[in-house]
Amino acid sequence: MPVGETKMARIETRVSTEKKQLIERAAAYQGCSVSEFVIANAEQAAKAVIEEHEQLKLNRTQSRALVDVLLATGRPNKRLRNAADRHRKEVTSR
């Protein structure tokens, strides 16, 4: 595959006639095809779900407690250093 090309995949689903008409109506209001509408909205929903599950959100009190614990700890032991090394190798940040 040439550089910059994206491989396309297919998603198929069945919906009730009422749901299909609702989606067609919404797509028409946005001036796009049903496929474009479904993909754009599914992508947005997927990103929201992923963000909800992959980001840690703390309030001010929780954040302060975490910082206090992190600052109070001593030097990392071998197990912690090994875990950090594995994390760097296995986890990709955005």
PDB file of N, CA and C in Angstrom:
ATOM      1  N   MET A   1       0.848  -1.177   0.000  1.00  0.00           N
ATOM      2  CA  MET A   1       0.000   0.000   0.000  1.00  0.00           C
ATOM      3  C   MET A   1       0.895   1.241   0.000  1.00  0.00           C
ATOM      4  N   PRO A   2       0.644   2.185  -0.907  1.00  0.00           N
ATOM      5  CA  PRO A   2       1.452   3.412  -0.966  1.00  0.00           C
ATOM      6  C   PRO A   2       1.332   4.230   0.321  1.00  0.00           C
ATOM      7  N   VAL A   3       2.390   4.995   0.595  1.00  0.00           N
ATOM      8  CA  VAL A   3       2.418   5.841   1.787  1.00  0.00           C
ATOM      9  C   VAL A   3       1.259   6.827   1.741  1.00  0.00           C
ATOM     10  N   GLY A   4       0.577   7.011   2.879  1.00  0.00           N
ATOM     11  CA  GLY A   4      -0.515   7.969   2.957  1.00  0.00           C
ATOM     12  C   GLY A   4      -1.885   7.387   2.642  1.00  0.00           C
ATOM     13  N   GLU A   5      -1.927   6.184   2.079  1.00  0.00           N
ATOM     14  CA  GLU A   5      -3.223   5.559   1.794  1.00  0.00           C
ATOM     15  C   GLU A   5      -3.710   4.828   3.030  1.00  0.00           C
ATOM     16  N   THR A   6      -5.003   4.870   3.235  1.00  0.00           N
ATOM     17  CA  THR A   6      -5.612   4.190   4.364  1.00  0.00           C
ATOM     18  C   THR A   6      -6.433   3.029   3.848  1.00  0.00           C
ATOM     19  N   LYS A   7      -6.239   1.883   4.440  1.00  0.00           N
ATOM     20  CA  LYS A   7      -7.024   0.720   4.063  1.00  0.00           C
ATOM     21  C   LYS A   7      -8.446   0.913   4.563  1.00  0.00           C
ATOM     22  N   MET A   8      -9.412   0.636   3.732  1.00  0.00           N
ATOM     23  CA  MET A   8     -10.811   0.820   4.092  1.00  0.00           C
ATOM     24  C   MET A   8     -11.390  -0.496   4.619  1.00  0.00           C
ATOM     25  N   ALA A   9     -12.268  -0.396   5.592  1.00  0.00           N
ATOM     26  CA  ALA A   9     -12.960  -1.557   6.148  1.00  0.00           C
ATOM     27  C   ALA A   9     -14.454  -1.285   6.123  1.00  0.00           C
ATOM     28  N   ARG A  10     -15.228  -2.332   6.196  1.00  0.00           N
ATOM     29  CA  ARG A  10     -16.671  -2.205   6.082  1.00  0.00           C
ATOM     30  C   ARG A  10     -17.326  -2.504   7.417  1.00  0.00           C
ATOM     31  N   ILE A  11     -18.365  -1.733   7.735  1.00  0.00           N
ATOM     32  CA  ILE A  11     -19.207  -1.981   8.906  1.00  0.00           C
ATOM     33  C   ILE A  11     -20.641  -2.097   8.392  1.00  0.00           C
ATOM     34  N   GLU A  12     -21.302  -3.140   8.793  1.00  0.00           N
ATOM     35  CA  GLU A  12     -22.694  -3.312   8.376  1.00  0.00           C
ATOM     36  C   GLU A  12     -23.571  -3.468   9.614  1.00  0.00           C
ATOM     37  N   THR A  13     -24.800  -2.975   9.513  1.00  0.00           N
ATOM     38  CA  THR A  13     -25.736  -3.111  10.623  1.00  0.00           C
ATOM     39  C   THR A  13     -27.163  -3.110  10.094  1.00  0.00           C
ATOM     40  N   ARG A  14     -28.050  -3.625  10.875  1.00  0.00           N
ATOM     41  CA  ARG A  14     -29.468  -3.599  10.530  1.00  0.00           C
ATOM     42  C   ARG A  14     -30.180  -2.760  11.578  1.00  0.00           C
ATOM     43  N   VAL A  15     -31.104  -1.922  11.114  1.00  0.00           N
ATOM     44  CA  VAL A  15     -31.880  -1.075  12.018  1.00  0.00           C
ATOM     45  C   VAL A  15     -33.338  -1.135  11.596  1.00  0.00           C
ATOM     46  N   SER A  16     -34.187  -0.729  12.506  1.00  0.00           N
ATOM     47  CA  SER A  16     -35.616  -0.687  12.180  1.00  0.00           C
ATOM     48  C   SER A  16     -35.861   0.402  11.136  1.00  0.00           C
ATOM     49  N   THR A  17     -36.973   0.308  10.459  1.00  0.00           N
ATOM     50  CA  THR A  17     -37.345   1.309   9.459  1.00  0.00           C
ATOM     51  C   THR A  17     -37.417   2.689  10.087  1.00  0.00           C
ATOM     52  N   GLU A  18     -37.960   2.778  11.294  1.00  0.00           N
ATOM     53  CA  GLU A  18     -38.078   4.064  11.973  1.00  0.00           C
ATOM     54  C   GLU A  18     -36.707   4.675  12.265  1.00  0.00           C
ATOM     55  N   LYS A  19     -35.764   3.856  12.727  1.00  0.00           N
ATOM     56  CA  LYS A  19     -34.428   4.368  13.012  1.00  0.00           C
ATOM     57  C   LYS A  19     -33.730   4.806  11.729  1.00  0.00           C
ATOM     58  N   LYS A  20     -33.915   4.041  10.669  1.00  0.00           N
ATOM     59  CA  LYS A  20     -33.296   4.405   9.394  1.00  0.00           C
ATOM     60  C   LYS A  20     -33.844   5.744   8.903  1.00  0.00           C
ATOM     61  N   GLN A  21     -35.139   5.934   8.997  1.00  0.00           N
ATOM     62  CA  GLN A  21     -35.745   7.199   8.570  1.00  0.00           C
ATOM     63  C   GLN A  21     -35.244   8.366   9.426  1.00  0.00           C
ATOM     64  N   LEU A  22     -35.096   8.139  10.708  1.00  0.00           N
ATOM     65  CA  LEU A  22     -34.578   9.165  11.616  1.00  0.00           C
ATOM     66  C   LEU A  22     -33.154   9.565  11.222  1.00  0.00           C
ATOM     67  N   ILE A  23     -32.326   8.559  10.956  1.00  0.00           N
ATOM     68  CA  ILE A  23     -30.936   8.823  10.565  1.00  0.00           C
ATOM     69  C   ILE A  23     -30.881   9.527   9.214  1.00  0.00           C
ATOM     70  N   GLU A  24     -31.704   9.101   8.275  1.00  0.00           N
ATOM     71  CA  GLU A  24     -31.746   9.761   6.959  1.00  0.00           C
ATOM     72  C   GLU A  24     -32.162  11.228   7.092  1.00  0.00           C
ATOM     73  N   ARG A  25     -33.120  11.481   7.942  1.00  0.00           N
ATOM     74  CA  ARG A  25     -33.589  12.853   8.154  1.00  0.00           C
ATOM     75  C   ARG A  25     -32.480  13.728   8.753  1.00  0.00           C
ATOM     76  N   ALA A  26     -31.796  13.192   9.761  1.00  0.00           N
ATOM     77  CA  ALA A  26     -30.706  13.939  10.390  1.00  0.00           C
ATOM     78  C   ALA A  26     -29.573  14.186   9.397  1.00  0.00           C
ATOM     79  N   ALA A  27     -29.231  13.185   8.602  1.00  0.00           N
ATOM     80  CA  ALA A  27     -28.173  13.336   7.597  1.00  0.00           C
ATOM     81  C   ALA A  27     -28.555  14.407   6.586  1.00  0.00           C
ATOM     82  N   ALA A  28     -29.811  14.431   6.187  1.00  0.00           N
ATOM     83  CA  ALA A  28     -30.278  15.439   5.222  1.00  0.00           C
ATOM     84  C   ALA A  28     -30.140  16.846   5.805  1.00  0.00           C
ATOM     85  N   TYR A  29     -30.463  16.998   7.083  1.00  0.00           N
ATOM     86  CA  TYR A  29     -30.310  18.311   7.721  1.00  0.00           C
ATOM     87  C   TYR A  29     -28.841  18.763   7.720  1.00  0.00           C
ATOM     88  N   GLN A  30     -27.948  17.819   7.843  1.00  0.00           N
ATOM     89  CA  GLN A  30     -26.524  18.164   7.856  1.00  0.00           C
ATOM     90  C   GLN A  30     -25.919  18.184   6.454  1.00  0.00           C
ATOM     91  N   GLY A  31     -26.711  17.836   5.462  1.00  0.00           N
ATOM     92  CA  GLY A  31     -26.227  17.885   4.084  1.00  0.00           C
ATOM     93  C   GLY A  31     -25.174  16.840   3.772  1.00  0.00           C
ATOM     94  N   CYS A  32     -25.300  15.671   4.356  1.00  0.00           N
ATOM     95  CA  CYS A  32     -24.334  14.605   4.081  1.00  0.00           C
ATOM     96  C   CYS A  32     -25.075  13.296   3.848  1.00  0.00           C
ATOM     97  N   SER A  33     -24.343  12.308   3.399  1.00  0.00           N
ATOM     98  CA  SER A  33     -24.941  10.996   3.162  1.00  0.00           C
ATOM     99  C   SER A  33     -25.199  10.300   4.497  1.00  0.00           C
ATOM    100  N   VAL A  34     -26.021   9.268   4.447  1.00  0.00           N
ATOM    101  CA  VAL A  34     -26.282   8.476   5.649  1.00  0.00           C
ATOM    102  C   VAL A  34     -24.977   7.869   6.150  1.00  0.00           C
ATOM    103  N   SER A  35     -24.169   7.364   5.242  1.00  0.00           N
ATOM    104  CA  SER A  35     -22.887   6.765   5.643  1.00  0.00           C
ATOM    105  C   SER A  35     -21.995   7.785   6.332  1.00  0.00           C
ATOM    106  N   GLU A  36     -21.863   8.966   5.750  1.00  0.00           N
ATOM    107  CA  GLU A  36     -21.034  10.009   6.358  1.00  0.00           C
ATOM    108  C   GLU A  36     -21.567  10.389   7.739  1.00  0.00           C
ATOM    109  N   PHE A  37     -22.882  10.509   7.847  1.00  0.00           N
ATOM    110  CA  PHE A  37     -23.503  10.864   9.125  1.00  0.00           C
ATOM    111  C   PHE A  37     -23.234   9.800  10.183  1.00  0.00           C
ATOM    112  N   VAL A  38     -23.455   8.548   9.820  1.00  0.00           N
ATOM    113  CA  VAL A  38     -23.275   7.448  10.771  1.00  0.00           C
ATOM    114  C   VAL A  38     -21.812   7.349  11.200  1.00  0.00           C
ATOM    115  N   ILE A  39     -20.893   7.420  10.251  1.00  0.00           N
ATOM    116  CA  ILE A  39     -19.476   7.306  10.584  1.00  0.00           C
ATOM    117  C   ILE A  39     -19.023   8.466  11.476  1.00  0.00           C
ATOM    118  N   ALA A  40     -19.397   9.685  11.121  1.00  0.00           N
ATOM    119  CA  ALA A  40     -18.983  10.846  11.915  1.00  0.00           C
ATOM    120  C   ALA A  40     -19.506  10.742  13.347  1.00  0.00           C
ATOM    121  N   ASN A  41     -20.758  10.364  13.505  1.00  0.00           N
ATOM    122  CA  ASN A  41     -21.341  10.290  14.841  1.00  0.00           C
ATOM    123  C   ASN A  41     -20.849   9.077  15.618  1.00  0.00           C
ATOM    124  N   ALA A  42     -20.609   7.969  14.945  1.00  0.00           N
ATOM    125  CA  ALA A  42     -20.053   6.792  15.623  1.00  0.00           C
ATOM    126  C   ALA A  42     -18.627   7.084  16.082  1.00  0.00           C
ATOM    127  N   GLU A  43     -17.859   7.774  15.250  1.00  0.00           N
ATOM    128  CA  GLU A  43     -16.492   8.126  15.621  1.00  0.00           C
ATOM    129  C   GLU A  43     -16.482   9.052  16.843  1.00  0.00           C
ATOM    130  N   GLN A  44     -17.350  10.051  16.832  1.00  0.00           N
ATOM    131  CA  GLN A  44     -17.435  10.984  17.959  1.00  0.00           C
ATOM    132  C   GLN A  44     -17.815  10.244  19.243  1.00  0.00           C
ATOM    133  N   ALA A  45     -18.784   9.353  19.151  1.00  0.00           N
ATOM    134  CA  ALA A  45     -19.207   8.588  20.328  1.00  0.00           C
ATOM    135  C   ALA A  45     -18.082   7.665  20.806  1.00  0.00           C
ATOM    136  N   ALA A  46     -17.379   7.040  19.871  1.00  0.00           N
ATOM    137  CA  ALA A  46     -16.278   6.141  20.230  1.00  0.00           C
ATOM    138  C   ALA A  46     -15.172   6.905  20.953  1.00  0.00           C
ATOM    139  N   LYS A  47     -14.820   8.078  20.446  1.00  0.00           N
ATOM    140  CA  LYS A  47     -13.783   8.885  21.093  1.00  0.00           C
ATOM    141  C   LYS A  47     -14.196   9.285  22.508  1.00  0.00           C
ATOM    142  N   ALA A  48     -15.463   9.627  22.691  1.00  0.00           N
ATOM    143  CA  ALA A  48     -15.947  10.016  24.019  1.00  0.00           C
ATOM    144  C   ALA A  48     -15.868   8.848  24.997  1.00  0.00           C
ATOM    145  N   VAL A  49     -16.249   7.662  24.556  1.00  0.00           N
ATOM    146  CA  VAL A  49     -16.194   6.480  25.424  1.00  0.00           C
ATOM    147  C   VAL A  49     -14.753   6.147  25.780  1.00  0.00           C
ATOM    148  N   ILE A  50     -13.868   6.200  24.794  1.00  0.00           N
ATOM    149  CA  ILE A  50     -12.456   5.902  25.043  1.00  0.00           C
ATOM    150  C   ILE A  50     -11.867   6.912  26.020  1.00  0.00           C
ATOM    151  N   GLU A  51     -12.155   8.182  25.812  1.00  0.00           N
ATOM    152  CA  GLU A  51     -11.644   9.217  26.718  1.00  0.00           C
ATOM    153  C   GLU A  51     -12.140   8.987  28.142  1.00  0.00           C
ATOM    154  N   GLU A  52     -13.409   8.645  28.267  1.00  0.00           N
ATOM    155  CA  GLU A  52     -13.994   8.411  29.593  1.00  0.00           C
ATOM    156  C   GLU A  52     -13.293   7.278  30.327  1.00  0.00           C
ATOM    157  N   HIS A  53     -12.867   6.262  29.580  1.00  0.00           N
ATOM    158  CA  HIS A  53     -12.254   5.092  30.210  1.00  0.00           C
ATOM    159  C   HIS A  53     -10.735   5.174  30.322  1.00  0.00           C
ATOM    160  N   GLU A  54     -10.109   6.042  29.556  1.00  0.00           N
ATOM    161  CA  GLU A  54      -8.654   6.074  29.550  1.00  0.00           C
ATOM    162  C   GLU A  54      -8.053   7.288  30.253  1.00  0.00           C
ATOM    163  N   GLN A  55      -8.860   8.244  30.649  1.00  0.00           N
ATOM    164  CA  GLN A  55      -8.334   9.418  31.333  1.00  0.00           C
ATOM    165  C   GLN A  55      -8.760   9.412  32.792  1.00  0.00           C
ATOM    166  N   LEU A  56      -7.824   9.749  33.628  1.00  0.00           N
ATOM    167  CA  LEU A  56      -8.085   9.855  35.056  1.00  0.00           C
ATOM    168  C   LEU A  56      -8.376  11.318  35.365  1.00  0.00           C
ATOM    169  N   LYS A  57      -9.530  11.589  35.937  1.00  0.00           N
ATOM    170  CA  LYS A  57      -9.896  12.961  36.270  1.00  0.00           C
ATOM    171  C   LYS A  57     -10.077  13.059  37.774  1.00  0.00           C
ATOM    172  N   LEU A  58      -9.329  13.972  38.359  1.00  0.00           N
ATOM    173  CA  LEU A  58      -9.361  14.156  39.806  1.00  0.00           C
ATOM    174  C   LEU A  58      -9.841  15.557  40.150  1.00  0.00           C
ATOM    175  N   ASN A  59     -10.566  15.659  41.262  1.00  0.00           N
ATOM    176  CA  ASN A  59     -10.910  16.994  41.745  1.00  0.00           C
ATOM    177  C   ASN A  59      -9.694  17.549  42.487  1.00  0.00           C
ATOM    178  N   ARG A  60      -9.797  18.764  42.979  1.00  0.00           N
ATOM    179  CA  ARG A  60      -8.652  19.431  43.633  1.00  0.00           C
ATOM    180  C   ARG A  60      -8.146  18.636  44.844  1.00  0.00           C
ATOM    181  N   THR A  61      -9.054  18.137  45.662  1.00  0.00           N
ATOM    182  CA  THR A  61      -8.660  17.384  46.858  1.00  0.00           C
ATOM    183  C   THR A  61      -7.948  16.088  46.478  1.00  0.00           C
ATOM    184  N   GLN A  62      -8.514  15.368  45.511  1.00  0.00           N
ATOM    185  CA  GLN A  62      -7.909  14.114  45.069  1.00  0.00           C
ATOM    186  C   GLN A  62      -6.540  14.366  44.440  1.00  0.00           C
ATOM    187  N   SER A  63      -6.444  15.422  43.661  1.00  0.00           N
ATOM    188  CA  SER A  63      -5.181  15.767  43.019  1.00  0.00           C
ATOM    189  C   SER A  63      -4.109  16.073  44.056  1.00  0.00           C
ATOM    190  N   ARG A  64      -4.480  16.846  45.053  1.00  0.00           N
ATOM    191  CA  ARG A  64      -3.528  17.199  46.121  1.00  0.00           C
ATOM    192  C   ARG A  64      -3.083  15.959  46.877  1.00  0.00           C
ATOM    193  N   ALA A  65      -4.027  15.054  47.170  1.00  0.00           N
ATOM    194  CA  ALA A  65      -3.691  13.824  47.886  1.00  0.00           C
ATOM    195  C   ALA A  65      -2.718  12.975  47.056  1.00  0.00           C
ATOM    196  N   LEU A  66      -2.939  12.898  45.775  1.00  0.00           N
ATOM    197  CA  LEU A  66      -2.041  12.136  44.908  1.00  0.00           C
ATOM    198  C   LEU A  66      -0.644  12.748  44.901  1.00  0.00           C
ATOM    199  N   VAL A  67      -0.560  14.049  44.753  1.00  0.00           N
ATOM    200  CA  VAL A  67       0.738  14.731  44.747  1.00  0.00           C
ATOM    201  C   VAL A  67       1.451  14.521  46.081  1.00  0.00           C
ATOM    202  N   ASP A  68       0.730  14.634  47.175  1.00  0.00           N
ATOM    203  CA  ASP A  68       1.334  14.437  48.496  1.00  0.00           C
ATOM    204  C   ASP A  68       1.927  13.033  48.625  1.00  0.00           C
ATOM    205  N   VAL A  69       1.195  12.035  48.178  1.00  0.00           N
ATOM    206  CA  VAL A  69       1.679  10.654  48.251  1.00  0.00           C
ATOM    207  C   VAL A  69       2.902  10.474  47.358  1.00  0.00           C
ATOM    208  N   LEU A  70       2.848  11.026  46.158  1.00  0.00           N
ATOM    209  CA  LEU A  70       3.977  10.883  45.243  1.00  0.00           C
ATOM    210  C   LEU A  70       5.237  11.557  45.788  1.00  0.00           C
ATOM    211  N   LEU A  71       5.073  12.713  46.382  1.00  0.00           N
ATOM    212  CA  LEU A  71       6.223  13.437  46.920  1.00  0.00           C
ATOM    213  C   LEU A  71       6.764  12.800  48.198  1.00  0.00           C
ATOM    214  N   ALA A  72       5.920  12.084  48.919  1.00  0.00           N
ATOM    215  CA  ALA A  72       6.319  11.484  50.189  1.00  0.00           C
ATOM    216  C   ALA A  72       7.050  10.160  50.011  1.00  0.00           C
ATOM    217  N   THR A  73       6.998   9.578  48.838  1.00  0.00           N
ATOM    218  CA  THR A  73       7.621   8.264  48.650  1.00  0.00           C
ATOM    219  C   THR A  73       9.126   8.403  48.508  1.00  0.00           C
ATOM    220  N   GLY A  74       9.822   7.333  48.843  1.00  0.00           N
ATOM    221  CA  GLY A  74      11.272   7.301  48.718  1.00  0.00           C
ATOM    222  C   GLY A  74      11.676   6.996  47.282  1.00  0.00           C
ATOM    223  N   ARG A  75      12.893   6.573  47.136  1.00  0.00           N
ATOM    224  CA  ARG A  75      13.399   6.234  45.815  1.00  0.00           C
ATOM    225  C   ARG A  75      12.701   4.969  45.324  1.00  0.00           C
ATOM    226  N   PRO A  76      12.480   4.861  44.006  1.00  0.00           N
ATOM    227  CA  PRO A  76      11.796   3.670  43.480  1.00  0.00           C
ATOM    228  C   PRO A  76      12.651   2.417  43.646  1.00  0.00           C
ATOM    229  N   ASN A  77      11.994   1.324  44.037  1.00  0.00           N
ATOM    230  CA  ASN A  77      12.716   0.061  44.165  1.00  0.00           C
ATOM    231  C   ASN A  77      12.814  -0.616  42.781  1.00  0.00           C
ATOM    232  N   LYS A  78      13.448  -1.758  42.745  1.00  0.00           N
ATOM    233  CA  LYS A  78      13.683  -2.445  41.463  1.00  0.00           C
ATOM    234  C   LYS A  78      12.366  -2.806  40.777  1.00  0.00           C
ATOM    235  N   ARG A  79      11.386  -3.297  41.532  1.00  0.00           N
ATOM    236  CA  ARG A  79      10.103  -3.670  40.921  1.00  0.00           C
ATOM    237  C   ARG A  79       9.430  -2.465  40.274  1.00  0.00           C
ATOM    238  N   LEU A  80       9.469  -1.321  40.931  1.00  0.00           N
ATOM    239  CA  LEU A  80       8.857  -0.120  40.382  1.00  0.00           C
ATOM    240  C   LEU A  80       9.605   0.341  39.135  1.00  0.00           C
ATOM    241  N   ARG A  81      10.935   0.289  39.170  1.00  0.00           N
ATOM    242  CA  ARG A  81      11.717   0.677  37.983  1.00  0.00           C
ATOM    243  C   ARG A  81      11.408  -0.250  36.810  1.00  0.00           C
ATOM    244  N   ASN A  82      11.294  -1.554  37.079  1.00  0.00           N
ATOM    245  CA  ASN A  82      10.952  -2.516  36.022  1.00  0.00           C
ATOM    246  C   ASN A  82       9.559  -2.242  35.460  1.00  0.00           C
ATOM    247  N   ALA A  83       8.614  -1.926  36.331  1.00  0.00           N
ATOM    248  CA  ALA A  83       7.254  -1.613  35.886  1.00  0.00           C
ATOM    249  C   ALA A  83       7.257  -0.367  35.020  1.00  0.00           C
ATOM    250  N   ALA A  84       8.024   0.645  35.397  1.00  0.00           N
ATOM    251  CA  ALA A  84       8.110   1.872  34.605  1.00  0.00           C
ATOM    252  C   ALA A  84       8.725   1.585  33.243  1.00  0.00           C
ATOM    253  N   ASP A  85       9.747   0.735  33.191  1.00  0.00           N
ATOM    254  CA  ASP A  85      10.367   0.364  31.913  1.00  0.00           C
ATOM    255  C   ASP A  85       9.362  -0.347  31.015  1.00  0.00           C
ATOM    256  N   ARG A  86       8.610  -1.301  31.596  1.00  0.00           N
ATOM    257  CA  ARG A  86       7.584  -2.016  30.813  1.00  0.00           C
ATOM    258  C   ARG A  86       6.526  -1.039  30.299  1.00  0.00           C
ATOM    259  N   HIS A  87       6.123  -0.110  31.150  1.00  0.00           N
ATOM    260  CA  HIS A  87       5.108   0.872  30.761  1.00  0.00           C
ATOM    261  C   HIS A  87       5.591   1.690  29.572  1.00  0.00           C
ATOM    262  N   ARG A  88       6.823   2.175  29.626  1.00  0.00           N
ATOM    263  CA  ARG A  88       7.377   2.972  28.515  1.00  0.00           C
ATOM    264  C   ARG A  88       7.404   2.178  27.219  1.00  0.00           C
ATOM    265  N   LYS A  89       7.682   0.880  27.293  1.00  0.00           N
ATOM    266  CA  LYS A  89       7.759   0.045  26.099  1.00  0.00           C
ATOM    267  C   LYS A  89       6.383  -0.318  25.546  1.00  0.00           C
ATOM    268  N   GLU A  90       5.384  -0.477  26.418  1.00  0.00           N
ATOM    269  CA  GLU A  90       4.092  -1.010  26.001  1.00  0.00           C
ATOM    270  C   GLU A  90       3.006   0.023  25.794  1.00  0.00           C
ATOM    271  N   VAL A  91       3.117   1.200  26.409  1.00  0.00           N
ATOM    272  CA  VAL A  91       2.040   2.189  26.353  1.00  0.00           C
ATOM    273  C   VAL A  91       2.445   3.344  25.453  1.00  0.00           C
ATOM    274  N   THR A  92       1.552   3.686  24.543  1.00  0.00           N
ATOM    275  CA  THR A  92       1.801   4.796  23.644  1.00  0.00           C
ATOM    276  C   THR A  92       0.951   5.975  24.071  1.00  0.00           C
ATOM    277  N   SER A  93       1.568   7.128  24.225  1.00  0.00           N
ATOM    278  CA  SER A  93       0.838   8.341  24.589  1.00  0.00           C
ATOM    279  C   SER A  93       0.403   9.053  23.323  1.00  0.00           C
ATOM    280  N   ARG A  94      -0.700   9.817  23.441  1.00  0.00           N
ATOM    281  CA  ARG A  94      -1.187  10.573  22.284  1.00  0.00           C
ATOM    282  C   ARG A  94      -0.474  11.868  22.154  1.00  0.00           C
TER     283      ARG A  94
END
